[in-house]
Protein backbone atom coordinates (compact mmCIF):
# COMPACT_ATOMS: atom_id res chain seq x y z
CA MET A 1 11.19 32.42 -3.83
CA ARG A 2 10.36 29.57 -1.48
CA ALA A 3 9.05 27.45 -4.37
CA LEU A 4 12.23 28.12 -6.37
CA PHE A 5 14.35 27.08 -3.39
CA SER A 6 12.39 23.83 -3.06
CA ILE A 7 12.91 23.03 -6.73
CA LEU A 8 16.64 23.73 -6.51
CA LEU A 9 16.87 21.60 -3.37
CA VAL A 10 15.11 18.70 -5.09
CA ILE A 11 17.40 18.91 -8.12
CA LEU A 12 20.49 19.02 -5.89
CA LEU A 13 19.37 16.07 -3.79
CA ALA A 14 18.33 14.06 -6.84
CA GLY A 15 21.80 14.43 -8.26
CA CYS A 16 23.33 13.06 -5.07
CA SER A 17 21.35 9.80 -5.17
CA SER A 18 22.14 7.40 -8.02
CA GLN A 19 20.19 4.42 -6.67
CA PRO A 20 16.71 4.13 -8.25
CA VAL A 21 13.63 4.44 -6.10
CA LYS A 22 11.82 1.10 -6.06
CA ILE A 23 8.06 1.68 -6.15
CA GLY A 24 5.75 -1.25 -5.53
CA SER A 25 2.00 -1.72 -5.57
CA LYS A 26 -0.66 -4.23 -4.65
CA ASP A 27 -2.46 -6.29 -7.26
CA LEU A 28 -5.27 -3.72 -7.39
CA VAL A 29 -5.86 -1.37 -10.32
CA GLU A 30 -6.14 1.57 -7.93
CA SER A 31 -2.82 0.72 -6.27
CA ARG A 32 -1.13 0.39 -9.65
CA ILE A 33 -2.48 3.78 -10.78
CA LEU A 34 -1.24 5.53 -7.63
CA ALA A 35 2.16 3.83 -7.80
CA GLU A 36 2.52 4.92 -11.43
CA MET A 37 1.62 8.49 -10.46
CA PHE A 38 4.36 8.38 -7.80
CA ALA A 39 6.85 7.05 -10.35
CA LEU A 40 6.02 9.63 -13.02
CA LEU A 41 6.17 12.48 -10.52
CA LEU A 42 9.59 11.41 -9.28
CA GLU A 43 10.86 10.95 -12.84
CA GLU A 44 9.59 14.43 -13.72
CA GLN A 45 12.06 15.80 -11.16
CA GLY A 46 14.96 13.77 -12.58
CA MET A 47 14.94 10.81 -10.20
CA GLN A 48 15.55 7.26 -11.34
CA VAL A 49 12.68 4.89 -10.66
CA LYS A 50 12.25 1.13 -10.73
CA ARG A 51 8.63 0.01 -11.04
CA MET A 52 7.53 -3.16 -9.24
CA PRO A 53 3.76 -3.28 -9.80
CA ALA A 54 1.18 -5.85 -8.70
CA LEU A 55 3.40 -7.62 -6.17
CA GLY A 56 0.44 -9.28 -4.47
CA SER A 57 -1.76 -8.80 -1.45
CA THR A 58 -1.27 -6.23 1.30
CA GLY A 59 0.77 -8.62 3.44
CA VAL A 60 3.17 -9.37 0.59
CA VAL A 61 3.77 -5.72 -0.30
CA PHE A 62 4.05 -4.64 3.34
CA GLN A 63 6.68 -7.31 3.99
CA ALA A 64 8.56 -6.27 0.85
CA LEU A 65 8.76 -2.74 2.24
CA ILE A 66 10.05 -3.95 5.61
CA ASP A 67 12.64 -6.14 3.87
CA SER A 68 13.75 -3.15 1.73
CA ASP A 69 12.79 -4.95 -1.47
CA ILE A 70 10.82 -1.81 -2.29
CA ASP A 71 11.12 1.77 -1.05
CA LEU A 72 7.48 2.88 -1.04
CA TYR A 73 3.97 1.97 -2.15
CA PRO A 74 0.43 3.37 -1.73
CA GLU A 75 -1.34 2.26 1.47
CA TYR A 76 -4.45 3.10 3.51
CA THR A 77 -4.69 4.19 7.13
CA GLY A 78 -7.37 1.65 8.06
CA THR A 79 -5.35 -1.20 6.56
CA ALA A 80 -2.26 -0.11 8.49
CA LEU A 81 -4.33 -0.01 11.69
CA ALA A 82 -5.47 -3.58 11.08
CA PHE A 83 -1.91 -4.77 10.48
CA MET A 84 -0.70 -3.15 13.70
CA GLY A 85 -3.56 -4.73 15.66
CA SER A 86 -4.92 -1.34 16.70
CA PRO A 87 -8.61 -0.81 17.45
CA ARG A 88 -10.86 0.76 14.85
CA ILE A 89 -10.73 4.56 14.71
CA GLY A 90 -13.44 6.56 13.00
CA ASP A 91 -11.74 9.97 13.10
CA ALA A 92 -9.45 10.46 10.09
CA ASP A 93 -6.86 12.70 11.78
CA GLU A 94 -6.65 10.53 14.87
CA ALA A 95 -6.26 7.40 12.75
CA PHE A 96 -3.43 9.02 10.76
CA ALA A 97 -1.64 10.07 13.97
CA VAL A 98 -1.92 6.57 15.48
CA VAL A 99 -0.77 4.94 12.25
CA SER A 100 2.21 7.29 11.89
CA ASP A 101 3.32 6.62 15.46
CA GLY A 102 2.93 2.86 15.13
CA LEU A 103 4.70 2.59 11.77
CA SER A 104 7.67 4.61 13.03
CA GLN A 105 8.47 1.73 15.37
CA HIS A 106 8.98 -0.47 12.29
CA GLY A 107 11.14 2.06 10.45
CA LEU A 108 8.30 3.18 8.18
CA VAL A 109 6.87 6.61 7.41
CA MET A 110 3.40 7.39 6.10
CA LEU A 111 3.65 10.58 4.05
CA ASP A 112 0.94 13.18 3.56
CA ARG A 113 -2.51 11.85 2.70
CA LEU A 114 -3.63 12.10 -0.91
CA GLY A 115 -7.13 13.40 -0.16
CA PHE A 116 -9.47 10.47 -0.75
CA GLU A 117 -10.71 7.38 1.07
CA THR A 118 -11.18 3.88 -0.30
CA GLY A 119 -13.25 2.03 2.28
CA TYR A 120 -15.13 -1.23 2.29
CA VAL A 121 -18.82 -1.01 1.39
CA VAL A 122 -21.51 -3.69 1.45
CA LEU A 123 -23.58 -3.63 -1.73
CA THR A 124 -26.63 -5.24 -3.24
CA SER A 125 -28.88 -4.60 -6.21
CA SER A 126 -31.69 -2.10 -5.88
CA ALA A 127 -34.18 -4.89 -6.61
CA VAL A 128 -32.93 -7.09 -3.76
CA ALA A 129 -32.80 -4.14 -1.35
CA ALA A 130 -36.38 -3.17 -2.15
CA ALA A 131 -37.75 -6.71 -2.09
CA ASP A 132 -36.07 -7.63 1.22
CA ASN A 133 -36.32 -4.18 2.83
CA LEU A 134 -32.56 -3.91 3.31
CA GLU A 135 -31.16 -0.56 4.42
CA THR A 136 -28.39 -1.20 6.97
CA LEU A 137 -25.90 -3.97 7.66
CA ALA A 138 -27.95 -5.01 10.68
CA ASP A 139 -30.84 -5.89 8.35
CA LEU A 140 -28.77 -8.78 6.99
CA ALA A 141 -28.95 -10.52 10.38
CA ARG A 142 -32.67 -11.31 10.21
CA PRO A 143 -33.16 -15.03 10.81
CA ASP A 144 -35.41 -15.53 7.78
CA TYR A 145 -32.80 -14.17 5.38
CA ARG A 146 -30.35 -16.64 3.88
CA LEU A 147 -28.67 -14.67 1.14
CA ARG A 148 -25.53 -15.46 -0.86
CA LEU A 149 -22.39 -13.38 -0.25
CA GLY A 150 -19.51 -12.54 -2.58
CA VAL A 151 -16.15 -11.15 -1.38
CA THR A 152 -12.60 -10.81 -2.64
CA GLN A 153 -9.83 -13.04 -1.37
CA SER A 154 -8.02 -10.13 0.27
CA PHE A 155 -11.12 -9.24 2.30
CA ALA A 156 -11.60 -12.89 3.27
CA GLU A 157 -8.04 -13.04 4.65
CA ARG A 158 -8.06 -9.82 6.68
CA PRO A 159 -7.79 -10.67 10.40
CA ARG A 160 -9.48 -7.65 12.05
CA ASP A 161 -11.71 -6.01 9.45
CA GLY A 162 -12.28 -8.92 7.07
CA LEU A 163 -14.81 -11.67 6.47
CA GLU A 164 -14.75 -13.53 9.80
CA PRO A 165 -14.89 -10.40 12.02
CA PHE A 166 -17.61 -9.01 9.75
CA LEU A 167 -19.78 -12.12 10.11
CA ASP A 168 -19.18 -12.31 13.88
CA ARG A 169 -19.85 -8.62 14.49
CA PHE A 170 -23.30 -8.70 12.89
CA GLY A 171 -24.14 -12.35 13.56
CA LEU A 172 -24.57 -13.08 9.86
CA VAL A 173 -25.19 -16.45 8.25
CA PHE A 174 -25.23 -16.84 4.47
CA ASP A 175 -26.30 -19.78 2.36
CA ASP A 176 -23.07 -19.52 0.39
CA VAL A 177 -19.93 -17.38 0.36
CA SER A 178 -18.15 -16.99 -3.00
CA ILE A 179 -14.56 -15.76 -2.93
CA PHE A 180 -13.08 -13.96 -5.95
CA THR A 181 -9.44 -13.18 -6.64
CA GLU A 182 -8.34 -9.55 -6.86
CA ALA A 183 -7.69 -10.03 -10.57
CA ASP A 184 -11.35 -11.03 -10.94
CA ARG A 185 -12.83 -8.07 -9.08
CA GLU A 186 -14.95 -7.33 -12.13
CA GLY A 187 -16.34 -10.85 -11.83
CA LEU A 188 -17.47 -10.03 -8.29
CA TYR A 189 -19.77 -7.32 -9.63
CA ASP A 190 -20.86 -9.42 -12.59
CA ALA A 191 -21.94 -12.16 -10.15
CA LEU A 192 -24.12 -9.66 -8.30
CA VAL A 193 -25.75 -8.31 -11.45
CA GLU A 194 -26.29 -11.81 -12.82
CA ARG A 195 -27.87 -12.80 -9.47
CA ARG A 196 -25.36 -15.53 -8.68
CA VAL A 197 -24.82 -13.73 -5.37
CA ASP A 198 -27.13 -11.37 -3.50
CA VAL A 199 -24.69 -9.23 -1.50
CA ILE A 200 -21.05 -8.31 -2.07
CA VAL A 201 -18.32 -6.41 -0.22
CA GLY A 202 -16.68 -3.91 -2.55
CA LEU A 203 -14.62 -0.74 -2.34
CA SER A 204 -16.08 2.75 -2.25
CA THR A 205 -14.01 3.87 -5.27
CA ASP A 206 -15.03 0.93 -7.47
CA PRO A 207 -16.52 2.40 -10.67
CA GLU A 208 -18.99 -0.48 -11.01
CA ILE A 209 -21.07 0.87 -8.11
CA ALA A 210 -22.35 3.79 -10.17
CA ASP A 211 -22.12 1.86 -13.42
CA TYR A 212 -24.55 -0.79 -12.17
CA ASP A 213 -26.54 1.61 -9.96
CA LEU A 214 -25.99 -0.56 -6.88
CA PHE A 215 -27.47 0.02 -3.43
CA GLN A 216 -25.06 0.54 -0.50
CA LEU A 217 -26.09 -0.76 2.90
CA GLU A 218 -25.40 1.76 5.65
CA ASP A 219 -22.86 0.89 8.34
CA THR A 220 -24.47 2.39 11.46
CA THR A 221 -22.06 0.67 13.86
CA GLY A 222 -18.76 2.01 12.52
CA PHE A 223 -17.39 -1.49 11.93
CA PHE A 224 -15.09 -0.37 9.12
CA PRO A 225 -12.42 2.19 10.05
CA VAL A 226 -11.28 5.14 7.92
CA TYR A 227 -9.19 4.11 4.89
CA GLU A 228 -7.39 7.23 3.67
CA ALA A 229 -4.74 6.73 0.99
CA ALA A 230 -1.14 7.90 1.42
CA PRO A 231 2.36 6.92 0.27
CA LEU A 232 4.06 4.56 2.72
CA ALA A 233 7.87 4.68 2.60
CA SER A 234 10.78 3.25 4.55
CA GLU A 235 12.97 5.50 6.68
CA VAL A 236 16.03 4.05 4.94
CA ALA A 237 14.76 5.19 1.55
CA LEU A 238 13.90 8.67 2.84
CA GLU A 239 17.32 9.04 4.46
CA ARG A 240 18.96 7.99 1.21
CA SER A 241 16.69 10.18 -0.95
CA PRO A 242 14.95 12.83 1.20
CA GLU A 243 13.62 14.50 -1.94
CA ILE A 244 11.02 11.70 -2.22
CA ALA A 245 8.92 13.28 0.53
CA ILE A 246 9.31 16.77 -0.96
CA ILE A 247 8.20 15.68 -4.43
CA LEU A 248 5.28 13.50 -3.35
CA GLU A 249 4.03 16.32 -1.14
CA GLU A 250 2.72 17.89 -4.36
CA LEU A 251 0.02 15.19 -4.40
CA SER A 252 -1.10 15.93 -0.84
CA GLY A 253 -4.85 16.52 -0.80
CA ARG A 254 -5.05 16.74 -4.60
CA ILE A 255 -7.03 13.54 -5.32
CA ASP A 256 -10.63 13.33 -4.14
CA ASP A 257 -13.01 10.36 -4.18
CA ALA A 258 -14.62 11.33 -7.48
CA MET A 259 -11.27 11.70 -9.23
CA MET A 260 -10.03 8.32 -7.99
CA ARG A 261 -13.27 6.69 -9.07
CA SER A 262 -12.91 8.15 -12.56
CA LEU A 263 -9.29 6.96 -12.80
CA ASN A 264 -10.36 3.45 -11.84
CA ALA A 265 -13.13 3.59 -14.43
CA ALA A 266 -10.71 4.66 -17.15
CA VAL A 267 -8.67 1.49 -16.61
CA ARG A 268 -11.27 -1.06 -15.53
CA LEU A 269 -14.23 -0.02 -17.66
CA ASP A 270 -12.67 1.80 -20.61
CA GLY A 271 -9.60 -0.42 -20.93
CA ARG A 272 -6.99 2.37 -20.98
CA PRO A 273 -3.40 1.55 -19.94
CA VAL A 274 -2.42 2.42 -16.37
CA ASN A 275 0.56 4.59 -17.34
CA ARG A 276 -1.51 6.76 -19.69
CA VAL A 277 -4.27 7.21 -17.12
CA ALA A 278 -1.72 8.14 -14.45
CA ARG A 279 0.07 10.64 -16.69
CA GLN A 280 -3.19 12.23 -17.78
CA ALA A 281 -4.18 12.68 -14.11
CA LEU A 282 -0.86 14.36 -13.30
CA TYR A 283 -1.15 16.56 -16.40
CA ASP A 284 -4.64 17.65 -15.38
CA LEU A 285 -3.27 18.54 -11.94
CA GLY A 286 -0.49 20.59 -13.54
CA LEU A 287 2.28 18.38 -12.14
CA VAL A 288 3.79 17.16 -15.43
CA ASP A 289 4.36 19.04 -18.67
CA ARG A 290 3.71 16.30 -21.20
CA MET A 291 0.35 14.74 -21.99
CA PRO A 292 0.10 10.97 -22.50
CA ARG A 293 0.46 9.81 -26.09
CA GLU A 294 -2.35 7.58 -27.22
CA ARG A 295 -1.31 4.55 -29.21
CA THR A 296 -3.96 5.35 -31.83
CA PRO A 297 -5.51 8.76 -32.38
CA PHE A 298 -9.08 9.00 -31.19
CA SER A 299 -11.60 8.85 -33.99
CA ALA A 300 -15.33 9.14 -33.39
CA SER A 301 -16.13 7.11 -36.48
CA ARG A 302 -13.78 4.33 -35.38
CA TRP A 303 -14.37 4.14 -31.65
CA ARG A 304 -17.97 5.17 -31.16
CA LEU A 305 -21.11 3.57 -32.43
CA LYS A 306 -23.49 6.22 -33.70
CA PRO A 307 -27.10 5.63 -32.62
CA SER A 308 -28.18 6.31 -36.21
CA ALA A 309 -25.85 3.68 -37.67
CA PRO A 310 -27.58 0.47 -38.82
CA THR A 311 -26.84 -2.65 -36.79
CA PRO A 312 -27.52 -6.28 -37.71
CA VAL A 313 -29.43 -7.10 -34.54
CA LEU A 314 -30.56 -4.99 -31.58
CA LYS A 315 -30.53 -7.17 -28.50
CA ARG A 316 -31.32 -6.50 -24.85
CA CYS A 317 -28.76 -7.21 -22.17
CA VAL A 318 -30.18 -9.68 -19.66
CA PRO A 319 -28.46 -8.30 -16.49
CA CYS A 320 -29.26 -4.62 -16.99
CA ALA A 321 -32.18 -4.87 -19.45
CA ASN A 322 -30.71 -2.07 -21.56
CA PRO A 323 -30.41 -2.29 -25.35
CA CYS A 324 -26.92 -3.14 -26.54
CA VAL A 325 -25.44 -3.81 -29.93
CA ALA A 326 -25.17 -7.41 -31.07
CA ALA A 327 -23.92 -8.96 -34.28
CA MET A 328 -25.54 -12.15 -35.55
CA SER A 329 -27.27 -12.58 -32.15
CA ILE A 330 -23.92 -12.57 -30.35
CA CYS A 331 -23.87 -9.97 -27.55
CA CYS A 332 -20.48 -8.41 -26.83
CA PRO A 333 -19.83 -8.74 -23.07
CA ARG A 334 -18.14 -5.33 -22.90
CA MET A 335 -21.34 -3.70 -24.15
CA CYS A 336 -23.48 -5.37 -21.48
CA ARG A 337 -23.08 -2.41 -19.15
CA SER A 338 -24.86 0.83 -18.57
CA ARG A 339 -22.09 2.64 -20.47
CA HIS A 340 -23.63 2.09 -23.91
CA TRP A 341 -22.27 3.91 -26.96
CA GLN A 342 -18.95 4.56 -25.24
CA ARG A 343 -15.44 3.69 -26.32
CA GLU A 344 -14.62 -0.01 -26.15
CA PRO A 345 -11.21 -1.75 -26.15
CA PRO A 346 -9.56 -2.30 -29.55
CA GLY A 347 -10.42 -5.60 -31.18
CA TRP A 348 -13.93 -6.16 -29.88
CA ARG A 349 -15.50 -5.41 -33.27
CA PHE A 350 -13.13 -7.88 -34.89
CA ARG A 351 -14.09 -10.56 -32.37
CA LEU A 352 -17.76 -10.01 -33.15
CA ARG A 353 -17.13 -10.21 -36.90
CA PHE A 354 -15.04 -13.34 -36.41
CA GLN A 355 -17.73 -15.03 -34.32
CA ALA A 356 -20.40 -13.97 -36.80
CA SER A 357 -18.36 -15.32 -39.72
CA ARG A 358 -17.82 -18.59 -37.91
CA GLN A 359 -21.55 -18.88 -37.23
CA LYS A 360 -22.32 -18.09 -40.85
CA ALA A 361 -19.81 -20.70 -42.03
CA ALA A 362 -21.29 -23.30 -39.70
CA GLY A 363 -24.77 -22.56 -41.05
CA TRP A 364 -23.55 -22.81 -44.62
CA CYS A 365 -21.90 -26.19 -43.94
CA ALA A 366 -25.09 -27.50 -42.32
CA THR A 367 -27.16 -26.35 -45.32
CA THR A 368 -24.75 -27.94 -47.77
CA ALA A 369 -24.74 -31.22 -45.86
CA SER A 370 -28.56 -31.36 -45.78
CA ARG A 371 -28.75 -30.82 -49.54
CA GLN A 372 -26.35 -33.69 -50.15
């Protein structure tokens, strides 16, 4: 009876509000997935939604919320603490209470937490960790170690829990610091595997950590606070459309770390569209009735390479030393991962055939010219 009343209340309130809910996101795949889940869930209950994805860094999206350019977006408690200038808090419930109180002074409301944490982690390859006896962040401060560091631009710009505070806190000195854009987060991990950098700062829900079997250095000092994900909305939007909080409450505590990691992997490693991944997640949770429609039906013979199928050349991937499929000695970069024999984005076979044909044509022209 109570559930029926909530549904009727949502429908009634949704009919009273004709202005669309503007949902923004950061320029992170994870933020875009969560924002799309918010949008689909609101649309499922009959609300109008305007999507504003990948607006930029945290500062840009946060300011857009304050300026009422957007109504809500996914945020993290530790990030909100840093923006408010609050000290680091290791307890999740205490951090959420402090954040909620501080944001209310700016006319913002952090809704119920989603159930997972995306925190900063310091990573290196297993080979580097074993060779240099690295186990904790403090081990990086040894005077005889001059390693190369890779970070994202957003981490480099964070004032309280970013690059400069990180270096100062542990007294670290690196030979070189490479900064990657958020759009090139995959390049950050590629640089580590290809040994262009020795240590990187990633996110705990990045799928590349397990994909590359990376080693995480332990933070024994509690430098990084708790980063629990939750929808962050403006009080103006909630007063105009109070059903937003009621609907999004269905996601409270429903997404754990493993689920978020798999959603990120579906987009970043498997190349699936964000909206389909988000809808599939909601369908699996029983929150939407319709499954996502794939653009092309899945076919094992089309999408998967059978181990028994003949291949022109079998080549080893230099970064991971695992066998991967190559055509005419050209190794497909998407296959140079530990996820061999899995579905790859459409078109990669065509690119290999095209490159192989071009190589064959070039060889034919050279042979013809030598005969003349």
